[in-house]
Amino acid sequence: MEYEIIRLSNGIRVVFQPQNLPITHACMLINAGSRDEKEGKFGVAHFIEHLLFKRTERRSTNQILNHLEAVGGDLNAYTTKEYTCVHASFLTPYLDRALDLFEDIFFHSTFPEEELEKEKSVIVDEMASYLDSPEESIVDDFEDLLFEKSGLGHNILGLEEQLLALTKNDIHDFIQSNYDTNEIVISITGDYTLKQVERLANKIFAPVAENKIQRERNDVVPVLVSHVESPKPINQVHYMLGAHAYSFRDDRKTGLLLLNNMLGGMGMSSILNLSIREKHGIAYTIESNYTMFSDSGLFSIYLGTDEEKIEKAKKLVFKELNKLCDREMTSGQLQKAKRKFIGQIALSEENRMS
């Protein structure tokens, strides 16, 4: 995958990948997420993401929402532990329209007081929906335990009592402390020349004043948790195990990505799925996941099953893990795993938004 990087005078980077397609996908990311929140202000990064769509100095909420939809486009956003992203898909002629909107909502949002209270209510409902989903809540609980001494631990949505107490000053404080123009990346894939993208990017984003921030993220402190149970009135047992893993800056991540894919990654032919689900019929859902952060990572296995089957399921999982530890992989197995992973990556490339 070939791409070009344009660095503007204020530090903003534009990553461009030319594609001969009628649809453009673009996103704007800021390297600031829930791990950058101060104690007592959990949820403010995600709160800001919601409020970016709620009025700017020159656009109303309706104008923001209709700006791309009026030409058949799509606009959305999400927050992670380490970054916030606004993304859009639209027809090729409307790149300037999309970039102008990105610039407006990121740098000119007004955060009106009446919208703050309405959006808090929306997020409280979002929190409730996650609590109603044990598959989601167990991941939050697991990460909270594993990263309890760093900002990576707490839930992206935050805590309800802290969310409800957030003020406009808290929002401005987070932005001033974290929205460094040198930590902003705009990514574009579409049918343009590099010169066209560079001209538009400079026209729209170069006037933004550089905002350089001296920010240090807290180091991740390894936490050893042997066993934690959370009784809940639900029909199934949901189970996770895992440990700290490599960051995305670590060269060893490629090997772990491959191992994760073999063990319980995409597709129905993973080691865990063939053993626990297909052979023994114990769990409908079983998977492994590898999540990378800038300075740490998380490797985990998740399954859901009936209470009377959980002990057998756990034994089978550890049996497969022990096999991987005790037996050296053959060159044939390695090549097979590589071919599978390469094919999956190629197919994912068909989704240009990825």
Foldseek 3Di string as FASTA:
>chain_A
DDWDWDAFPLQEIEIEAEDADQKKKKKKKFFAAQLLADPLQGQLRVLLQVQLLDDFPPDHNVCLCVQQVVQPKDWHWDGDLTMTMIMMMHGPVCPLSVLLSVLGSLPTRDRDPVVLVVVLVVLVVVVVVQVVDPVNVVVLVVQCQFQVPGSSNHDRNTDSVSSNPDDPVSNVVSCLQGRFSSRMYMYMYYNDDPVVVVVSCCVRPNVDHGRDHDDDGDAGDGDDDDDDDDDDPDFKDKDKDWGKDAAPVDPCVVVVVLVQCQQFNDDCNHPLNCPCCVPVNFFPDKGWDWAHDHGIIMIMIITMGGPVCVVVSVVSSVVVVVCPVPDDDDPVNVVVSVVVVVVVVVVVVVVVND
